[in-house]
Amino acid sequence: MSLTHPAPEYPTEAGGYQIDILVHGYPGRSVCHGSLGWSTIVLLRGHGRVALIDVGAFGVRHLLQHKLHELGLSPLDVTDVVLTHSHYDHSINWTLFAHANIHISGEELDWSLTAPWGKTPVPELYVQALAQWQTLKRIQGGDEVLPGLVAHDAPGHTPGHQVFLLSGQQRDVVFTGDA
């Protein structure tokens, strides 16, 4: 008996990047624990870059490292982290990649720094550290964050939320974070 794996249901290449979904997010709620807080984490490899779009929270840290290892990568191989917004389930693990360029909307970061403590899903101390981080790259809508990957403002979920459009010859791919 031969086991076969179904083809991925998402594009695996676009714009000169290999695309791998390392962690599939879950948008639902649990019965007794509120929001589950699992964001999708995507790996892009191409153009001399190894980039992650969103990096998840503590609960997926081991899984994220394991998935990178399965692809022959370590956190030190990651050159760029692109954050859709500052909520903990998308951003906390940036510290695993503190040597990489960390890209986030300047408007989002400014809002996060003034959000009332304990009232939002913003990891207050992590965003304070990020605001001072040497490899921080504040971006805005229209910026080409990586070759072929352009930031677009999409406020609503958070004031500085962004989506990212990867332009390709055969298809484009949109990374939305929380849509």
N, C-alpha and C. Protein backbone atom coordinates (compact mmCIF):
# COMPACT_ATOMS: atom_id res chain seq x y z
N MET A 1 0.84 -1.18 0.00
CA MET A 1 0.00 0.00 0.00
C MET A 1 0.89 1.24 0.00
N SER A 2 0.60 2.14 -0.87
CA SER A 2 1.38 3.36 -0.99
C SER A 2 0.61 4.52 -0.39
N LEU A 3 1.30 5.28 0.44
CA LEU A 3 0.69 6.49 1.00
C LEU A 3 1.05 7.66 0.12
N THR A 4 0.08 8.43 -0.23
CA THR A 4 0.35 9.63 -1.00
C THR A 4 -0.13 10.83 -0.22
N HIS A 5 0.54 11.92 -0.42
CA HIS A 5 0.17 13.17 0.22
C HIS A 5 -0.55 14.03 -0.81
N PRO A 6 -1.69 14.59 -0.44
CA PRO A 6 -2.38 15.45 -1.39
C PRO A 6 -1.56 16.71 -1.67
N ALA A 7 -1.75 17.23 -2.85
CA ALA A 7 -1.07 18.47 -3.22
C ALA A 7 -1.55 19.60 -2.31
N PRO A 8 -0.67 20.54 -1.98
CA PRO A 8 -1.10 21.67 -1.16
C PRO A 8 -2.25 22.41 -1.82
N GLU A 9 -3.11 22.98 -1.01
CA GLU A 9 -4.25 23.72 -1.52
C GLU A 9 -3.94 25.20 -1.68
N TYR A 10 -2.68 25.55 -1.64
CA TYR A 10 -2.26 26.94 -1.75
C TYR A 10 -1.12 26.99 -2.76
N PRO A 11 -0.87 28.17 -3.31
CA PRO A 11 0.25 28.28 -4.25
C PRO A 11 1.57 27.96 -3.53
N THR A 12 2.43 27.22 -4.19
CA THR A 12 3.71 26.89 -3.59
C THR A 12 4.85 27.72 -4.17
N GLU A 13 4.52 28.56 -5.16
CA GLU A 13 5.53 29.43 -5.76
C GLU A 13 4.82 30.63 -6.33
N ALA A 14 5.43 31.78 -6.14
CA ALA A 14 4.94 33.02 -6.77
C ALA A 14 6.01 34.08 -6.63
N GLY A 15 6.15 34.87 -7.65
CA GLY A 15 7.06 36.02 -7.60
C GLY A 15 8.50 35.67 -7.32
N GLY A 16 8.91 34.46 -7.69
CA GLY A 16 10.30 34.05 -7.46
C GLY A 16 10.55 33.53 -6.05
N TYR A 17 9.49 33.26 -5.30
CA TYR A 17 9.61 32.72 -3.95
C TYR A 17 8.99 31.33 -3.87
N GLN A 18 9.62 30.45 -3.13
CA GLN A 18 9.01 29.22 -2.68
C GLN A 18 8.16 29.60 -1.47
N ILE A 19 6.92 29.14 -1.43
CA ILE A 19 5.99 29.47 -0.35
C ILE A 19 5.66 28.21 0.44
N ASP A 20 5.87 28.25 1.74
CA ASP A 20 5.52 27.14 2.62
C ASP A 20 4.70 27.68 3.78
N ILE A 21 3.58 27.06 4.05
CA ILE A 21 2.81 27.39 5.25
C ILE A 21 3.36 26.52 6.37
N LEU A 22 3.99 27.16 7.36
CA LEU A 22 4.59 26.41 8.46
C LEU A 22 3.57 26.09 9.54
N VAL A 23 2.69 27.04 9.82
CA VAL A 23 1.65 26.84 10.82
C VAL A 23 0.34 27.34 10.22
N HIS A 24 -0.67 26.49 10.22
CA HIS A 24 -2.00 26.88 9.75
C HIS A 24 -2.74 27.51 10.91
N GLY A 25 -3.21 28.72 10.72
CA GLY A 25 -3.95 29.41 11.76
C GLY A 25 -5.33 28.82 11.98
N TYR A 26 -5.90 29.19 13.10
CA TYR A 26 -7.25 28.74 13.43
C TYR A 26 -8.04 29.93 13.91
N PRO A 27 -9.06 30.34 13.19
CA PRO A 27 -9.78 31.57 13.52
C PRO A 27 -10.90 31.41 14.54
N GLY A 28 -11.15 30.20 15.00
CA GLY A 28 -12.30 29.96 15.88
C GLY A 28 -12.03 30.28 17.34
N ARG A 29 -12.98 29.90 18.15
CA ARG A 29 -12.87 30.07 19.59
C ARG A 29 -13.08 28.71 20.26
N SER A 30 -12.41 28.54 21.38
CA SER A 30 -12.65 27.32 22.15
C SER A 30 -13.85 27.56 23.07
N VAL A 31 -14.39 26.51 23.60
CA VAL A 31 -15.58 26.61 24.42
C VAL A 31 -15.31 27.37 25.72
N CYS A 32 -14.18 27.09 26.38
CA CYS A 32 -13.96 27.67 27.69
C CYS A 32 -12.72 28.54 27.80
N HIS A 33 -11.95 28.68 26.75
CA HIS A 33 -10.71 29.45 26.84
C HIS A 33 -10.69 30.68 25.94
N GLY A 34 -11.83 31.08 25.40
CA GLY A 34 -11.85 32.28 24.57
C GLY A 34 -11.11 32.07 23.26
N SER A 35 -10.50 33.13 22.79
CA SER A 35 -9.78 33.10 21.52
C SER A 35 -8.62 32.12 21.58
N LEU A 36 -8.44 31.35 20.53
CA LEU A 36 -7.34 30.40 20.48
C LEU A 36 -6.02 31.07 20.12
N GLY A 37 -6.08 32.14 19.35
CA GLY A 37 -4.87 32.87 19.04
C GLY A 37 -3.83 32.10 18.25
N TRP A 38 -4.23 31.46 17.17
CA TRP A 38 -3.28 30.80 16.30
C TRP A 38 -3.29 31.51 14.95
N SER A 39 -2.20 32.16 14.63
CA SER A 39 -2.12 32.80 13.32
C SER A 39 -1.39 31.88 12.36
N THR A 40 -1.64 32.08 11.09
CA THR A 40 -0.88 31.36 10.07
C THR A 40 0.51 31.96 9.99
N ILE A 41 1.50 31.10 9.83
CA ILE A 41 2.88 31.54 9.66
C ILE A 41 3.37 31.01 8.32
N VAL A 42 3.80 31.93 7.45
CA VAL A 42 4.21 31.58 6.10
C VAL A 42 5.70 31.85 5.93
N LEU A 43 6.37 30.93 5.26
CA LEU A 43 7.79 31.08 4.93
C LEU A 43 7.93 31.38 3.45
N LEU A 44 8.69 32.41 3.12
CA LEU A 44 9.03 32.75 1.74
C LEU A 44 10.53 32.60 1.57
N ARG A 45 10.94 31.87 0.53
CA ARG A 45 12.36 31.72 0.22
C ARG A 45 12.59 32.08 -1.23
N GLY A 46 13.42 33.10 -1.44
CA GLY A 46 13.76 33.53 -2.79
C GLY A 46 14.41 34.89 -2.76
N HIS A 47 14.99 35.28 -3.87
CA HIS A 47 15.64 36.59 -4.00
C HIS A 47 16.68 36.81 -2.90
N GLY A 48 17.33 35.73 -2.46
CA GLY A 48 18.34 35.84 -1.41
C GLY A 48 17.77 36.08 -0.03
N ARG A 49 16.47 35.87 0.14
CA ARG A 49 15.81 36.12 1.42
C ARG A 49 15.16 34.83 1.94
N VAL A 50 15.11 34.75 3.25
CA VAL A 50 14.33 33.74 3.95
C VAL A 50 13.46 34.55 4.90
N ALA A 51 12.18 34.64 4.57
CA ALA A 51 11.29 35.56 5.29
C ALA A 51 10.09 34.82 5.87
N LEU A 52 9.65 35.30 7.02
CA LEU A 52 8.43 34.81 7.64
C LEU A 52 7.39 35.92 7.63
N ILE A 53 6.17 35.57 7.28
CA ILE A 53 5.06 36.51 7.42
C ILE A 53 4.30 36.06 8.65
N ASP A 54 4.34 36.90 9.67
CA ASP A 54 3.84 36.63 11.01
C ASP A 54 4.64 35.48 11.63
N VAL A 55 4.70 35.48 12.96
CA VAL A 55 5.56 34.53 13.65
C VAL A 55 4.89 33.84 14.84
N GLY A 56 3.64 34.15 15.10
CA GLY A 56 2.90 33.42 16.12
C GLY A 56 3.23 33.80 17.54
N ALA A 57 2.62 33.03 18.46
CA ALA A 57 2.76 33.25 19.89
C ALA A 57 3.52 32.09 20.52
N PHE A 58 3.66 32.15 21.84
CA PHE A 58 4.41 31.12 22.56
C PHE A 58 3.93 29.72 22.25
N GLY A 59 2.63 29.53 22.12
CA GLY A 59 2.05 28.20 21.93
C GLY A 59 2.51 27.49 20.67
N VAL A 60 3.02 28.22 19.68
CA VAL A 60 3.49 27.60 18.44
C VAL A 60 5.00 27.70 18.28
N ARG A 61 5.69 28.20 19.30
CA ARG A 61 7.14 28.41 19.18
C ARG A 61 7.86 27.10 18.82
N HIS A 62 7.58 26.03 19.54
CA HIS A 62 8.25 24.76 19.28
C HIS A 62 7.90 24.25 17.87
N LEU A 63 6.63 24.34 17.49
CA LEU A 63 6.20 23.90 16.17
C LEU A 63 6.89 24.71 15.07
N LEU A 64 6.98 26.01 15.25
CA LEU A 64 7.64 26.87 14.27
C LEU A 64 9.10 26.46 14.10
N GLN A 65 9.80 26.26 15.19
CA GLN A 65 11.20 25.86 15.10
C GLN A 65 11.34 24.48 14.45
N HIS A 66 10.42 23.57 14.79
CA HIS A 66 10.43 22.23 14.21
C HIS A 66 10.21 22.28 12.69
N LYS A 67 9.24 23.08 12.26
CA LYS A 67 8.95 23.18 10.81
C LYS A 67 10.15 23.78 10.06
N LEU A 68 10.80 24.77 10.65
CA LEU A 68 12.00 25.33 10.03
C LEU A 68 13.07 24.25 9.91
N HIS A 69 13.27 23.49 10.99
CA HIS A 69 14.27 22.42 11.00
C HIS A 69 13.98 21.38 9.92
N GLU A 70 12.70 21.02 9.74
CA GLU A 70 12.33 20.06 8.70
C GLU A 70 12.74 20.54 7.31
N LEU A 71 12.80 21.85 7.13
CA LEU A 71 13.19 22.41 5.83
C LEU A 71 14.69 22.73 5.78
N GLY A 72 15.43 22.27 6.79
CA GLY A 72 16.87 22.49 6.82
C GLY A 72 17.27 23.89 7.24
N LEU A 73 16.38 24.57 7.96
CA LEU A 73 16.64 25.94 8.38
C LEU A 73 16.65 26.07 9.89
N SER A 74 17.34 27.08 10.36
CA SER A 74 17.29 27.43 11.78
C SER A 74 16.82 28.88 11.87
N PRO A 75 16.47 29.35 13.05
CA PRO A 75 16.08 30.76 13.19
C PRO A 75 17.16 31.72 12.66
N LEU A 76 18.42 31.33 12.75
CA LEU A 76 19.49 32.21 12.28
C LEU A 76 19.48 32.38 10.76
N ASP A 77 18.82 31.48 10.04
CA ASP A 77 18.74 31.58 8.58
C ASP A 77 17.70 32.60 8.13
N VAL A 78 16.80 32.99 9.00
CA VAL A 78 15.72 33.92 8.64
C VAL A 78 16.29 35.32 8.52
N THR A 79 16.08 35.94 7.37
CA THR A 79 16.61 37.29 7.12
C THR A 79 15.58 38.38 7.41
N ASP A 80 14.29 38.04 7.31
CA ASP A 80 13.23 39.04 7.44
C ASP A 80 12.02 38.45 8.14
N VAL A 81 11.41 39.26 9.00
CA VAL A 81 10.12 38.95 9.61
C VAL A 81 9.18 40.09 9.23
N VAL A 82 8.06 39.74 8.63
CA VAL A 82 7.06 40.72 8.18
C VAL A 82 5.81 40.50 9.04
N LEU A 83 5.43 41.52 9.80
CA LEU A 83 4.29 41.40 10.70
C LEU A 83 3.08 42.14 10.13
N THR A 84 1.95 41.44 10.07
CA THR A 84 0.73 42.07 9.58
C THR A 84 0.17 43.05 10.59
N HIS A 85 0.34 42.74 11.88
CA HIS A 85 -0.09 43.63 12.96
C HIS A 85 0.55 43.14 14.26
N SER A 86 0.28 43.85 15.34
CA SER A 86 1.03 43.62 16.58
C SER A 86 0.38 42.67 17.57
N HIS A 87 -0.78 42.13 17.31
CA HIS A 87 -1.40 41.23 18.28
C HIS A 87 -0.46 40.06 18.59
N TYR A 88 -0.53 39.60 19.84
CA TYR A 88 0.41 38.58 20.34
C TYR A 88 0.46 37.33 19.47
N ASP A 89 -0.68 36.89 18.93
CA ASP A 89 -0.69 35.63 18.18
C ASP A 89 -0.03 35.76 16.81
N HIS A 90 0.36 36.97 16.45
CA HIS A 90 1.06 37.19 15.18
C HIS A 90 2.51 37.64 15.40
N SER A 91 2.82 38.16 16.59
CA SER A 91 4.08 38.90 16.71
C SER A 91 5.06 38.46 17.79
N ILE A 92 4.64 37.77 18.81
CA ILE A 92 5.54 37.55 19.96
C ILE A 92 6.85 36.88 19.57
N ASN A 93 6.81 35.93 18.69
CA ASN A 93 8.03 35.16 18.39
C ASN A 93 9.05 35.92 17.55
N TRP A 94 8.86 37.22 17.36
CA TRP A 94 9.90 37.99 16.65
C TRP A 94 11.24 37.86 17.38
N THR A 95 11.19 37.63 18.69
CA THR A 95 12.44 37.55 19.46
C THR A 95 13.29 36.34 19.05
N LEU A 96 12.68 35.32 18.44
CA LEU A 96 13.46 34.19 17.92
C LEU A 96 14.33 34.62 16.74
N PHE A 97 13.96 35.73 16.11
CA PHE A 97 14.61 36.18 14.87
C PHE A 97 15.13 37.60 15.05
N ALA A 98 15.62 37.91 16.24
CA ALA A 98 16.01 39.27 16.59
C ALA A 98 17.15 39.80 15.72
N HIS A 99 17.88 38.94 15.06
CA HIS A 99 18.96 39.34 14.15
C HIS A 99 18.42 39.75 12.77
N ALA A 100 17.19 39.35 12.47
CA ALA A 100 16.59 39.60 11.14
C ALA A 100 16.00 41.01 11.08
N ASN A 101 15.73 41.47 9.88
CA ASN A 101 14.97 42.71 9.72
C ASN A 101 13.53 42.43 10.14
N ILE A 102 13.00 43.24 11.03
CA ILE A 102 11.63 43.08 11.51
C ILE A 102 10.81 44.22 10.91
N HIS A 103 9.87 43.90 10.01
CA HIS A 103 9.07 44.88 9.29
C HIS A 103 7.68 44.96 9.91
N ILE A 104 7.25 46.17 10.27
CA ILE A 104 5.89 46.38 10.77
C ILE A 104 5.48 47.81 10.43
N SER A 105 4.19 47.99 10.22
CA SER A 105 3.66 49.32 9.95
C SER A 105 4.05 50.28 11.08
N GLY A 106 4.60 51.43 10.71
CA GLY A 106 4.91 52.45 11.71
C GLY A 106 3.66 52.89 12.45
N GLU A 107 2.55 53.02 11.73
CA GLU A 107 1.29 53.40 12.37
C GLU A 107 0.85 52.33 13.37
N GLU A 108 1.00 51.07 13.01
CA GLU A 108 0.64 49.98 13.90
C GLU A 108 1.49 50.00 15.16
N LEU A 109 2.78 50.18 14.98
CA LEU A 109 3.66 50.19 16.14
C LEU A 109 3.35 51.36 17.06
N ASP A 110 3.12 52.54 16.48
CA ASP A 110 2.77 53.71 17.29
C ASP A 110 1.49 53.47 18.08
N TRP A 111 0.47 52.91 17.44
CA TRP A 111 -0.78 52.59 18.13
C TRP A 111 -0.53 51.59 19.25
N SER A 112 0.27 50.57 18.97
CA SER A 112 0.54 49.52 19.96
C SER A 112 1.22 50.08 21.20
N LEU A 113 2.08 51.06 21.00
CA LEU A 113 2.79 51.65 22.12
C LEU A 113 1.88 52.48 23.03
N THR A 114 0.74 52.91 22.51
CA THR A 114 -0.19 53.72 23.31
C THR A 114 -1.44 52.96 23.71
N ALA A 115 -1.59 51.72 23.26
CA ALA A 115 -2.76 50.93 23.63
C ALA A 115 -2.76 50.73 25.15
N PRO A 116 -3.92 50.83 25.78
CA PRO A 116 -3.97 50.66 27.23
C PRO A 116 -3.55 49.25 27.65
N TRP A 117 -2.67 49.17 28.60
CA TRP A 117 -2.14 47.88 29.06
C TRP A 117 -3.26 47.01 29.60
N GLY A 118 -3.23 45.74 29.20
CA GLY A 118 -4.18 44.77 29.69
C GLY A 118 -5.55 44.85 29.06
N LYS A 119 -5.76 45.72 28.08
CA LYS A 119 -7.08 45.91 27.47
C LYS A 119 -7.16 45.38 26.04
N THR A 120 -6.03 45.05 25.44
CA THR A 120 -5.99 44.59 24.05
C THR A 120 -5.08 43.36 23.97
N PRO A 121 -5.08 42.65 22.83
CA PRO A 121 -4.17 41.51 22.66
C PRO A 121 -2.74 41.92 22.27
N VAL A 122 -2.37 43.17 22.54
CA VAL A 122 -1.02 43.64 22.23
C VAL A 122 -0.08 43.20 23.35
N PRO A 123 1.05 42.56 23.03
CA PRO A 123 2.03 42.20 24.04
C PRO A 123 2.89 43.43 24.38
N GLU A 124 2.44 44.18 25.38
CA GLU A 124 2.97 45.51 25.67
C GLU A 124 4.49 45.57 25.77
N LEU A 125 5.09 44.70 26.55
CA LEU A 125 6.54 44.75 26.74
C LEU A 125 7.30 44.36 25.47
N TYR A 126 6.72 43.45 24.69
CA TYR A 126 7.36 43.05 23.44
C TYR A 126 7.36 44.18 22.41
N VAL A 127 6.27 44.93 22.34
CA VAL A 127 6.25 46.05 21.38
C VAL A 127 7.14 47.19 21.85
N GLN A 128 7.26 47.37 23.16
CA GLN A 128 8.19 48.38 23.65
C GLN A 128 9.62 48.04 23.24
N ALA A 129 9.99 46.78 23.40
CA ALA A 129 11.33 46.34 23.00
C ALA A 129 11.51 46.47 21.49
N LEU A 130 10.49 46.06 20.73
CA LEU A 130 10.57 46.13 19.27
C LEU A 130 10.76 47.57 18.79
N ALA A 131 10.09 48.50 19.42
CA ALA A 131 10.19 49.92 19.00
C ALA A 131 11.62 50.44 19.08
N GLN A 132 12.42 49.83 19.93
CA GLN A 132 13.82 50.26 20.09
C GLN A 132 14.81 49.33 19.40
N TRP A 133 14.30 48.31 18.72
CA TRP A 133 15.17 47.28 18.18
C TRP A 133 15.99 47.77 17.00
N GLN A 134 17.23 47.38 16.95
CA GLN A 134 18.17 47.86 15.93
C GLN A 134 17.77 47.47 14.51
N THR A 135 17.15 46.31 14.33
CA THR A 135 16.82 45.85 12.98
C THR A 135 15.36 46.14 12.60
N LEU A 136 14.67 46.94 13.42
CA LEU A 136 13.29 47.32 13.12
C LEU A 136 13.22 48.14 11.84
N LYS A 137 12.28 47.80 10.99
CA LYS A 137 12.00 48.55 9.76
C LYS A 137 10.55 49.00 9.81
N ARG A 138 10.30 50.26 10.05
CA ARG A 138 8.94 50.80 10.02
C ARG A 138 8.53 50.95 8.56
N ILE A 139 7.39 50.40 8.22
CA ILE A 139 6.94 50.45 6.83
C ILE A 139 5.60 51.15 6.76
N GLN A 140 5.21 51.49 5.55
CA GLN A 140 3.90 52.10 5.31
C GLN A 140 3.32 51.53 4.02
N GLY A 141 2.03 51.75 3.83
CA GLY A 141 1.37 51.27 2.63
C GLY A 141 2.08 51.75 1.38
N GLY A 142 2.26 50.84 0.44
CA GLY A 142 2.95 51.15 -0.81
C GLY A 142 4.42 50.76 -0.81
N ASP A 143 4.98 50.50 0.37
CA ASP A 143 6.38 50.10 0.44
C ASP A 143 6.57 48.70 -0.11
N GLU A 144 7.65 48.52 -0.87
CA GLU A 144 8.06 47.18 -1.29
C GLU A 144 8.95 46.64 -0.17
N VAL A 145 8.40 45.75 0.61
CA VAL A 145 9.07 45.24 1.80
C VAL A 145 10.18 44.27 1.43
N LEU A 146 9.89 43.39 0.50
CA LEU A 146 10.84 42.45 -0.09
C LEU A 146 10.64 42.55 -1.59
N PRO A 147 11.57 42.08 -2.40
CA PRO A 147 11.36 42.13 -3.85
C PRO A 147 10.02 41.49 -4.24
N GLY A 148 9.13 42.30 -4.83
CA GLY A 148 7.83 41.81 -5.28
C GLY A 148 6.75 41.75 -4.22
N LEU A 149 7.06 42.05 -2.95
CA LEU A 149 6.09 41.99 -1.85
C LEU A 149 5.80 43.40 -1.37
N VAL A 150 4.56 43.86 -1.62
CA VAL A 150 4.20 45.25 -1.33
C VAL A 150 3.18 45.30 -0.19
N ALA A 151 3.41 46.22 0.74
CA ALA A 151 2.50 46.45 1.88
C ALA A 151 1.31 47.28 1.43
N HIS A 152 0.13 46.94 1.94
CA HIS A 152 -1.09 47.71 1.70
C HIS A 152 -1.80 47.92 3.03
N ASP A 153 -2.14 49.16 3.32
CA ASP A 153 -2.85 49.46 4.56
C ASP A 153 -4.23 48.82 4.53
N ALA A 154 -4.61 48.21 5.64
CA ALA A 154 -5.92 47.56 5.77
C ALA A 154 -6.43 47.76 7.20
N PRO A 155 -6.60 49.02 7.61
CA PRO A 155 -7.03 49.27 8.99
C PRO A 155 -8.42 48.70 9.24
N GLY A 156 -8.70 48.44 10.49
CA GLY A 156 -9.99 47.90 10.89
C GLY A 156 -9.79 46.92 12.01
N HIS A 157 -9.06 45.86 11.75
CA HIS A 157 -8.75 44.91 12.81
C HIS A 157 -7.90 45.60 13.87
N THR A 158 -6.89 46.31 13.42
CA THR A 158 -6.10 47.22 14.23
C THR A 158 -5.87 48.47 13.37
N PRO A 159 -5.53 49.60 13.98
CA PRO A 159 -5.38 50.83 13.18
C PRO A 159 -4.30 50.77 12.10
N GLY A 160 -3.23 50.03 12.33
CA GLY A 160 -2.15 49.98 11.35
C GLY A 160 -1.99 48.62 10.68
N HIS A 161 -3.05 47.81 10.72
CA HIS A 161 -3.00 46.48 10.10
C HIS A 161 -2.65 46.61 8.62
N GLN A 162 -1.82 45.69 8.14
CA GLN A 162 -1.45 45.67 6.73
C GLN A 162 -1.63 44.28 6.15
N VAL A 163 -1.91 44.25 4.85
CA VAL A 163 -1.88 43.03 4.07
C VAL A 163 -0.74 43.18 3.08
N PHE A 164 -0.26 42.06 2.56
CA PHE A 164 0.90 42.09 1.68
C PHE A 164 0.58 41.35 0.40
N LEU A 165 0.85 42.00 -0.73
CA LEU A 165 0.61 41.43 -2.05
C LEU A 165 1.94 41.03 -2.67
N LEU A 166 2.04 39.73 -2.97
CA LEU A 166 3.19 39.19 -3.67
C LEU A 166 2.80 39.03 -5.13
N SER A 167 3.41 39.79 -6.00
CA SER A 167 3.09 39.74 -7.42
C SER A 167 3.91 38.67 -8.11
N GLY A 168 3.22 37.86 -8.91
CA GLY A 168 3.89 36.81 -9.65
C GLY A 168 3.47 36.81 -11.10
N GLN A 169 4.17 36.05 -11.93
CA GLN A 169 3.83 36.00 -13.35
C GLN A 169 2.56 35.20 -13.59
N GLN A 170 2.40 34.07 -12.90
CA GLN A 170 1.22 33.23 -13.10
C GLN A 170 0.10 33.53 -12.13
N ARG A 171 0.46 34.02 -10.94
CA ARG A 171 -0.55 34.31 -9.93
C ARG A 171 0.02 35.30 -8.93
N ASP A 172 -0.87 36.02 -8.29
CA ASP A 172 -0.51 36.87 -7.18
C ASP A 172 -0.98 36.17 -5.90
N VAL A 173 -0.33 36.49 -4.78
CA VAL A 173 -0.72 35.92 -3.51
C VAL A 173 -0.88 37.06 -2.52
N VAL A 174 -1.97 37.03 -1.76
CA VAL A 174 -2.23 38.04 -0.74
C VAL A 174 -2.09 37.39 0.63
N PHE A 175 -1.30 38.02 1.50
CA PHE A 175 -1.14 37.59 2.88
C PHE A 175 -1.89 38.58 3.73
N THR A 176 -2.92 38.10 4.46
CA THR A 176 -3.84 39.03 5.11
C THR A 176 -3.69 39.13 6.62
N GLY A 177 -3.02 38.22 7.27
CA GLY A 177 -3.08 38.21 8.73
C GLY A 177 -4.52 37.91 9.11
N ASP A 178 -5.10 38.71 9.98
CA ASP A 178 -6.52 38.57 10.30
C ASP A 178 -7.30 39.43 9.31
N ALA A 179 -8.14 38.78 8.53
CA ALA A 179 -8.88 39.51 7.49
C ALA A 179 -10.22 39.98 8.03
